[in-house]
Amino acid sequence: MTLRSIRPVALTGALVGALVGTLSFTTAAFAQLSSNVQFKPGNYGTMVNGTIRGDEYIDYKLRAKAGQEMFVSLNVDGTNGNGTIYFNILPPGSKDVAIYNGSMDGRTTTIELPKSGEYRIRVYLMGNDRDTDKTVGYNIDLSIQ
């Protein structure tokens, strides 16, 4: 009888271990970073630099008013892949729906902002760079007027 009470506990422990391992992997696959962007007093723009790898994405958050124009230009600054990096602009309140999609419209834009609030510039990789876990360095020239 001692063996019967030990085996279910061992099986349960193994099952819990497998589930924890699966949950840890799932969480890592959807990792997201974010950073607040603020302009120095008297400035209406800034440069942002960073690196991104594989299926990561990073949101640069900043506040703006309806009717202002946002300028964003993304440039590759070193990569061990093809430099397949893009950005989207997400309006206030949006989870994933963009008002600008860089993979379709290019790496530079000036866009009039439709409403006031917190905008997110989401930087991400696509294609082979994403699928093979490559790293891409980048610079973003960003301004709001």
Protein backbone atom coordinates (compact mmCIF):
# COMPACT_ATOMS: atom_id res chain seq x y z
CA MET A 1 0.00 0.00 0.00
CA THR A 2 2.86 2.35 0.59
CA LEU A 3 3.84 2.09 -3.07
CA ARG A 4 0.35 2.99 -4.24
CA SER A 5 0.27 6.16 -2.17
CA ILE A 6 3.76 7.18 -3.38
CA ARG A 7 3.14 6.60 -7.10
CA PRO A 8 0.18 8.98 -7.44
CA VAL A 9 2.15 11.67 -5.60
CA ALA A 10 5.15 11.13 -7.89
CA LEU A 11 2.93 11.21 -10.97
CA THR A 12 1.19 14.34 -9.73
CA GLY A 13 4.59 15.99 -9.10
CA ALA A 14 5.74 15.09 -12.61
CA LEU A 15 2.52 16.42 -14.09
CA VAL A 16 2.81 19.69 -12.15
CA GLY A 17 6.44 20.00 -13.24
CA ALA A 18 5.47 19.50 -16.88
CA LEU A 19 2.69 22.09 -16.62
CA VAL A 20 4.95 24.65 -14.95
CA GLY A 21 7.55 24.08 -17.69
CA THR A 22 4.91 24.57 -20.37
CA LEU A 23 3.56 27.73 -18.74
CA SER A 24 7.06 29.16 -18.39
CA PHE A 25 7.74 28.52 -22.07
CA THR A 26 4.43 30.04 -23.11
CA THR A 27 5.04 33.18 -21.06
CA ALA A 28 8.54 33.63 -22.52
CA ALA A 29 7.20 33.35 -26.08
CA PHE A 30 4.96 36.38 -25.49
CA ALA A 31 7.49 38.55 -23.70
CA GLN A 32 6.89 42.28 -24.13
CA LEU A 33 8.93 45.27 -23.08
CA SER A 34 7.77 48.86 -22.77
CA SER A 35 9.37 52.21 -22.20
CA ASN A 36 7.97 55.69 -21.62
CA VAL A 37 9.26 58.37 -23.98
CA GLN A 38 9.46 61.97 -22.76
CA PHE A 39 10.95 64.93 -24.57
CA LYS A 40 13.35 67.28 -22.82
CA PRO A 41 11.79 70.67 -21.98
CA GLY A 42 11.64 72.84 -25.10
CA ASN A 43 12.16 69.88 -27.48
CA TYR A 44 9.53 68.25 -29.63
CA GLY A 45 11.57 65.20 -30.60
CA THR A 46 14.12 62.62 -29.48
CA MET A 47 16.17 59.64 -30.65
CA VAL A 48 15.50 56.20 -29.20
CA ASN A 49 18.04 53.36 -29.55
CA GLY A 50 17.67 49.69 -28.74
CA THR A 51 17.97 46.06 -29.75
CA ILE A 52 15.29 43.47 -30.24
CA ARG A 53 15.51 39.71 -30.64
CA GLY A 54 13.29 37.02 -32.16
CA ASP A 55 9.63 37.27 -31.23
CA GLU A 56 10.08 40.06 -28.70
CA TYR A 57 8.44 43.41 -29.23
CA ILE A 58 8.81 46.69 -27.44
CA ASP A 59 6.26 49.46 -27.00
CA TYR A 60 7.48 53.05 -26.74
CA LYS A 61 4.70 54.97 -25.00
CA LEU A 62 4.13 58.71 -25.27
CA ARG A 63 1.29 61.15 -24.81
CA ALA A 64 0.00 63.40 -27.59
CA LYS A 65 -3.04 65.47 -28.48
CA ALA A 66 -5.55 65.08 -31.30
CA GLY A 67 -4.47 66.99 -34.40
CA GLN A 68 -0.74 66.87 -33.64
CA GLU A 69 1.57 65.24 -36.19
CA MET A 70 3.81 62.35 -35.19
CA PHE A 71 6.98 61.69 -37.18
CA VAL A 72 8.67 58.29 -36.82
CA SER A 73 11.69 56.99 -38.74
CA LEU A 74 13.17 53.55 -37.91
CA ASN A 75 16.69 52.60 -39.04
CA VAL A 76 18.69 49.39 -38.59
CA ASP A 77 21.87 49.76 -36.55
CA GLY A 78 23.55 46.35 -36.71
CA THR A 79 22.11 42.86 -37.03
CA ASN A 80 23.11 39.20 -37.18
CA GLY A 81 20.22 38.62 -39.58
CA ASN A 82 18.53 40.52 -42.39
CA GLY A 83 17.33 43.55 -40.40
CA THR A 84 13.65 42.77 -40.98
CA ILE A 85 12.38 45.23 -38.37
CA TYR A 86 9.25 47.37 -38.42
CA PHE A 87 7.03 49.52 -36.21
CA ASN A 88 3.32 50.07 -35.79
CA ILE A 89 1.60 53.07 -34.22
CA LEU A 90 -1.20 52.12 -31.84
CA PRO A 91 -3.71 54.80 -30.77
CA PRO A 92 -4.97 55.36 -27.22
CA GLY A 93 -7.03 52.43 -25.93
CA SER A 94 -5.94 49.99 -28.66
CA LYS A 95 -4.61 46.58 -27.67
CA ASP A 96 -3.27 45.54 -31.08
CA VAL A 97 -5.05 47.53 -33.81
CA ALA A 98 -2.64 49.98 -35.44
CA ILE A 99 -3.30 53.26 -37.24
CA TYR A 100 0.04 52.80 -39.03
CA ASN A 101 1.58 49.47 -40.03
CA GLY A 102 5.27 49.76 -40.93
CA SER A 103 5.51 46.28 -42.49
CA MET A 104 3.01 47.43 -45.12
CA ASP A 105 3.71 51.17 -45.30
CA GLY A 106 7.45 51.53 -44.66
CA ARG A 107 9.88 52.54 -41.94
CA THR A 108 9.21 56.30 -42.05
CA THR A 109 5.95 58.19 -41.61
CA THR A 110 4.33 61.45 -40.59
CA ILE A 111 0.80 60.88 -39.36
CA GLU A 112 -1.88 63.20 -37.97
CA LEU A 113 -3.08 61.86 -34.63
CA PRO A 114 -6.85 61.27 -34.43
CA LYS A 115 -7.31 61.61 -30.66
CA SER A 116 -5.61 62.66 -27.44
CA GLY A 117 -4.02 60.14 -25.10
CA GLU A 118 -1.19 57.63 -24.85
CA TYR A 119 0.15 56.33 -28.17
CA ARG A 120 2.42 53.31 -28.52
CA ILE A 121 5.09 52.79 -31.14
CA ARG A 122 5.53 49.02 -31.29
CA VAL A 123 8.86 47.77 -32.68
CA TYR A 124 9.03 44.14 -33.84
CA LEU A 125 10.79 41.69 -36.16
CA MET A 126 9.28 39.66 -38.99
CA GLY A 127 10.24 36.79 -41.28
CA ASN A 128 13.45 34.85 -40.85
CA ASP A 129 14.84 37.29 -38.27
CA ARG A 130 11.87 36.60 -36.00
CA ASP A 131 11.68 32.88 -36.72
CA THR A 132 15.42 32.23 -36.18
CA ASP A 133 15.77 34.42 -33.07
CA LYS A 134 18.07 37.02 -34.68
CA THR A 135 19.01 40.29 -32.98
CA VAL A 136 18.54 43.68 -34.63
CA GLY A 137 19.81 47.00 -33.34
CA TYR A 138 17.82 50.10 -34.25
CA ASN A 139 17.48 53.86 -33.97
CA ILE A 140 14.14 55.67 -33.96
CA ASP A 141 13.91 59.36 -34.79
CA LEU A 142 10.66 60.50 -33.16
CA SER A 143 8.89 63.85 -32.93
CA ILE A 144 5.44 65.31 -32.24
CA GLN A 145 4.39 68.78 -33.34
